[in-house]
Amino acid sequence: MNTLTARFCVGCGQVLDELSLPDSPSSWITAAAYREKYGFRFTDLSLIGDACPPCARVFAIGRHEPLPETAGHRCQDERVSIVRPAKNHS
């Protein structure tokens, strides 16, 4: 049996839709939308942990690394906001 691989975000659980038409860019979609669009059960897939662009930015801040470039990537859910703690000047 051939196993199809799918990249999923370890931060928010979205799946990278790499099965779309070759001319369209890959995009991160919800797991439910991926399952509905292609009819796969996640037990049929070999899942590879990854990070969507918004979650990669959050992870980079937590590790105090430069923010990753996200050119060419779009996350369907851009509601992630990054709040840096204010410095205490006491």
N, C-alpha and C. Protein backbone atom coordinates (compact mmCIF):
# COMPACT_ATOMS: atom_id res chain seq x y z
N MET A 1 0.83 -1.17 0.00
CA MET A 1 0.00 0.00 0.00
C MET A 1 0.88 1.24 0.00
N ASN A 2 0.64 2.18 -0.92
CA ASN A 2 1.37 3.44 -0.95
C ASN A 2 0.81 4.36 0.11
N THR A 3 1.69 4.96 0.86
CA THR A 3 1.26 5.88 1.89
C THR A 3 1.52 7.30 1.42
N LEU A 4 0.53 8.13 1.50
CA LEU A 4 0.65 9.53 1.15
C LEU A 4 1.14 10.29 2.37
N THR A 5 2.08 11.21 2.16
CA THR A 5 2.57 12.01 3.28
C THR A 5 1.88 13.37 3.28
N ALA A 6 1.69 13.90 4.46
CA ALA A 6 1.09 15.23 4.62
C ALA A 6 1.82 15.94 5.75
N ARG A 7 2.15 17.21 5.53
CA ARG A 7 2.79 18.02 6.55
C ARG A 7 1.72 18.70 7.37
N PHE A 8 1.84 18.61 8.71
CA PHE A 8 0.89 19.26 9.60
C PHE A 8 1.65 20.17 10.55
N CYS A 9 0.98 21.24 10.96
CA CYS A 9 1.59 22.20 11.86
C CYS A 9 1.48 21.68 13.29
N VAL A 10 2.61 21.59 13.96
CA VAL A 10 2.62 21.11 15.34
C VAL A 10 2.09 22.17 16.31
N GLY A 11 1.94 23.41 15.83
CA GLY A 11 1.43 24.48 16.68
C GLY A 11 -0.07 24.59 16.66
N CYS A 12 -0.66 24.60 15.44
CA CYS A 12 -2.10 24.85 15.33
C CYS A 12 -2.88 23.68 14.71
N GLY A 13 -2.18 22.69 14.18
CA GLY A 13 -2.85 21.51 13.63
C GLY A 13 -3.29 21.63 12.19
N GLN A 14 -3.00 22.76 11.52
CA GLN A 14 -3.38 22.88 10.11
C GLN A 14 -2.51 21.96 9.26
N VAL A 15 -2.99 21.66 8.06
CA VAL A 15 -2.30 20.76 7.14
C VAL A 15 -1.92 21.54 5.90
N LEU A 16 -0.71 21.30 5.38
CA LEU A 16 -0.26 21.97 4.17
C LEU A 16 -0.87 21.25 2.97
N ASP A 17 -1.67 21.96 2.22
CA ASP A 17 -2.33 21.39 1.04
C ASP A 17 -1.37 21.46 -0.14
N GLU A 18 -0.65 20.37 -0.35
CA GLU A 18 0.29 20.28 -1.46
C GLU A 18 -0.30 19.50 -2.62
N LEU A 19 -1.56 19.10 -2.51
CA LEU A 19 -2.20 18.31 -3.56
C LEU A 19 -2.99 19.16 -4.55
N SER A 20 -3.05 20.46 -4.33
CA SER A 20 -3.78 21.35 -5.23
C SER A 20 -3.12 21.34 -6.60
N LEU A 21 -3.72 22.06 -7.52
CA LEU A 21 -3.18 22.15 -8.87
C LEU A 21 -1.74 22.63 -8.85
N PRO A 22 -0.90 22.14 -9.77
CA PRO A 22 0.51 22.52 -9.77
C PRO A 22 0.75 24.03 -9.90
N ASP A 23 -0.16 24.75 -10.55
CA ASP A 23 0.02 26.19 -10.75
C ASP A 23 -0.32 27.01 -9.51
N SER A 24 -1.06 26.44 -8.58
CA SER A 24 -1.47 27.21 -7.40
C SER A 24 -0.48 26.96 -6.26
N PRO A 25 -0.23 28.00 -5.44
CA PRO A 25 0.71 27.83 -4.33
C PRO A 25 0.10 26.95 -3.24
N SER A 26 0.96 26.25 -2.53
CA SER A 26 0.50 25.45 -1.39
C SER A 26 -0.01 26.39 -0.31
N SER A 27 -1.04 25.96 0.40
CA SER A 27 -1.57 26.77 1.50
C SER A 27 -1.90 25.87 2.67
N TRP A 28 -1.90 26.45 3.85
CA TRP A 28 -2.22 25.73 5.07
C TRP A 28 -3.72 25.83 5.29
N ILE A 29 -4.38 24.68 5.47
CA ILE A 29 -5.82 24.64 5.69
C ILE A 29 -6.11 23.79 6.92
N THR A 30 -7.32 23.92 7.43
CA THR A 30 -7.66 23.14 8.62
C THR A 30 -7.68 21.65 8.28
N ALA A 31 -7.47 20.84 9.29
CA ALA A 31 -7.49 19.40 9.09
C ALA A 31 -8.86 18.94 8.57
N ALA A 32 -9.93 19.54 9.08
CA ALA A 32 -11.27 19.18 8.63
C ALA A 32 -11.47 19.52 7.16
N ALA A 33 -10.97 20.69 6.73
CA ALA A 33 -11.09 21.08 5.32
C ALA A 33 -10.27 20.15 4.43
N TYR A 34 -9.10 19.74 4.89
CA TYR A 34 -8.25 18.82 4.13
C TYR A 34 -8.95 17.47 3.97
N ARG A 35 -9.49 16.98 5.08
CA ARG A 35 -10.18 15.69 5.04
C ARG A 35 -11.41 15.76 4.12
N GLU A 36 -12.16 16.86 4.22
CA GLU A 36 -13.36 17.01 3.39
C GLU A 36 -12.99 17.17 1.91
N LYS A 37 -11.92 17.89 1.64
CA LYS A 37 -11.51 18.16 0.25
C LYS A 37 -11.02 16.91 -0.46
N TYR A 38 -10.23 16.06 0.25
CA TYR A 38 -9.61 14.91 -0.39
C TYR A 38 -10.18 13.56 0.06
N GLY A 39 -10.94 13.53 1.13
CA GLY A 39 -11.56 12.29 1.58
C GLY A 39 -10.63 11.33 2.30
N PHE A 40 -9.45 11.80 2.70
CA PHE A 40 -8.51 10.94 3.42
C PHE A 40 -8.88 10.86 4.89
N ARG A 41 -8.65 9.73 5.48
CA ARG A 41 -8.64 9.62 6.93
C ARG A 41 -7.19 9.84 7.34
N PHE A 42 -6.96 10.44 8.47
CA PHE A 42 -5.58 10.71 8.86
C PHE A 42 -4.81 9.44 9.18
N THR A 43 -5.52 8.34 9.40
CA THR A 43 -4.82 7.06 9.58
C THR A 43 -4.30 6.55 8.24
N ASP A 44 -4.79 7.11 7.12
CA ASP A 44 -4.31 6.72 5.79
C ASP A 44 -3.04 7.48 5.40
N LEU A 45 -2.68 8.50 6.18
CA LEU A 45 -1.57 9.38 5.82
C LEU A 45 -0.37 9.15 6.72
N SER A 46 0.79 9.42 6.18
CA SER A 46 2.00 9.48 6.98
C SER A 46 2.22 10.96 7.28
N LEU A 47 2.03 11.35 8.54
CA LEU A 47 2.08 12.76 8.93
C LEU A 47 3.49 13.18 9.31
N ILE A 48 3.88 14.34 8.82
CA ILE A 48 5.20 14.91 9.08
C ILE A 48 5.00 16.22 9.83
N GLY A 49 5.57 16.34 11.01
CA GLY A 49 5.45 17.55 11.81
C GLY A 49 6.21 18.71 11.18
N ASP A 50 5.59 19.86 11.14
CA ASP A 50 6.16 21.06 10.54
C ASP A 50 5.56 22.26 11.28
N ALA A 51 5.72 23.45 10.76
CA ALA A 51 5.12 24.65 11.36
C ALA A 51 4.66 25.57 10.25
N CYS A 52 3.42 26.04 10.34
CA CYS A 52 2.91 27.02 9.39
C CYS A 52 3.63 28.35 9.67
N PRO A 53 3.62 29.29 8.74
CA PRO A 53 4.36 30.55 8.95
C PRO A 53 4.02 31.29 10.24
N PRO A 54 2.74 31.47 10.61
CA PRO A 54 2.49 32.17 11.88
C PRO A 54 3.05 31.42 13.10
N CYS A 55 2.91 30.12 13.14
CA CYS A 55 3.44 29.35 14.27
C CYS A 55 4.96 29.35 14.26
N ALA A 56 5.58 29.31 13.08
CA ALA A 56 7.04 29.36 12.99
C ALA A 56 7.56 30.67 13.56
N ARG A 57 6.84 31.78 13.35
CA ARG A 57 7.25 33.06 13.91
C ARG A 57 7.17 33.02 15.44
N VAL A 58 6.10 32.43 15.97
CA VAL A 58 5.96 32.32 17.43
C VAL A 58 7.07 31.46 18.01
N PHE A 59 7.37 30.32 17.36
CA PHE A 59 8.42 29.44 17.85
C PHE A 59 9.77 30.15 17.82
N ALA A 60 10.03 30.93 16.75
CA ALA A 60 11.31 31.64 16.64
C ALA A 60 11.47 32.66 17.76
N ILE A 61 10.40 33.37 18.10
CA ILE A 61 10.47 34.34 19.18
C ILE A 61 10.74 33.64 20.51
N GLY A 62 10.13 32.48 20.71
CA GLY A 62 10.36 31.73 21.94
C GLY A 62 11.79 31.24 22.07
N ARG A 63 12.46 31.02 20.94
CA ARG A 63 13.86 30.57 20.95
C ARG A 63 14.82 31.74 20.75
N HIS A 64 14.29 32.97 20.64
CA HIS A 64 15.10 34.17 20.45
C HIS A 64 15.93 34.07 19.17
N GLU A 65 15.32 33.56 18.11
CA GLU A 65 15.98 33.45 16.81
C GLU A 65 15.39 34.47 15.86
N PRO A 66 16.09 34.77 14.76
CA PRO A 66 15.50 35.66 13.76
C PRO A 66 14.21 35.05 13.22
N LEU A 67 13.26 35.89 12.89
CA LEU A 67 11.99 35.40 12.34
C LEU A 67 12.23 34.76 10.99
N PRO A 68 11.60 33.60 10.71
CA PRO A 68 11.79 32.93 9.42
C PRO A 68 11.12 33.71 8.30
N GLU A 69 11.68 33.58 7.11
CA GLU A 69 11.06 34.17 5.92
C GLU A 69 9.83 33.35 5.57
N THR A 70 8.78 34.01 5.17
CA THR A 70 7.56 33.29 4.82
C THR A 70 7.12 33.59 3.40
N ALA A 71 8.02 34.12 2.57
CA ALA A 71 7.66 34.42 1.18
C ALA A 71 7.22 33.14 0.48
N GLY A 72 6.14 33.22 -0.24
CA GLY A 72 5.64 32.07 -0.97
C GLY A 72 4.71 31.20 -0.16
N HIS A 73 4.57 31.47 1.13
CA HIS A 73 3.68 30.67 1.98
C HIS A 73 2.52 31.53 2.44
N ARG A 74 1.36 30.95 2.47
CA ARG A 74 0.20 31.65 3.00
C ARG A 74 -0.48 30.74 4.00
N CYS A 75 -0.82 31.27 5.10
CA CYS A 75 -1.58 30.53 6.09
C CYS A 75 -3.00 31.05 6.02
N GLN A 76 -3.96 30.15 5.97
CA GLN A 76 -5.35 30.56 5.86
C GLN A 76 -5.78 31.34 7.10
N ASP A 77 -5.20 31.02 8.22
CA ASP A 77 -5.58 31.68 9.46
C ASP A 77 -4.48 32.64 9.87
N GLU A 78 -4.63 33.90 9.56
CA GLU A 78 -3.63 34.92 9.88
C GLU A 78 -3.97 35.63 11.19
N ARG A 79 -4.81 35.03 12.04
CA ARG A 79 -5.23 35.68 13.27
C ARG A 79 -4.20 35.59 14.38
N VAL A 80 -3.09 34.91 14.15
CA VAL A 80 -2.08 34.76 15.19
C VAL A 80 -1.41 36.11 15.40
N SER A 81 -1.35 36.56 16.62
CA SER A 81 -0.66 37.81 16.92
C SER A 81 0.45 37.51 17.91
N ILE A 82 1.49 38.27 17.81
CA ILE A 82 2.65 38.06 18.66
C ILE A 82 2.73 39.24 19.62
N VAL A 83 2.72 38.95 20.91
CA VAL A 83 2.80 39.99 21.92
C VAL A 83 4.09 39.77 22.70
N ARG A 84 4.94 40.78 22.65
CA ARG A 84 6.19 40.69 23.39
C ARG A 84 5.98 41.34 24.75
N PRO A 85 6.47 40.73 25.81
CA PRO A 85 6.27 41.30 27.15
C PRO A 85 6.95 42.66 27.28
N ALA A 86 6.31 43.57 27.97
CA ALA A 86 6.90 44.89 28.22
C ALA A 86 8.04 44.75 29.22
N LYS A 87 9.04 45.56 29.03
CA LYS A 87 10.18 45.53 29.97
C LYS A 87 9.76 46.25 31.25
N ASN A 88 10.13 45.67 32.35
CA ASN A 88 9.79 46.23 33.65
C ASN A 88 10.86 47.28 34.01
N HIS A 89 10.45 48.53 34.13
CA HIS A 89 11.38 49.62 34.42
C HIS A 89 11.29 50.06 35.89
N SER A 90 11.17 49.13 36.81
CA SER A 90 11.05 49.52 38.22
C SER A 90 12.37 49.64 38.89
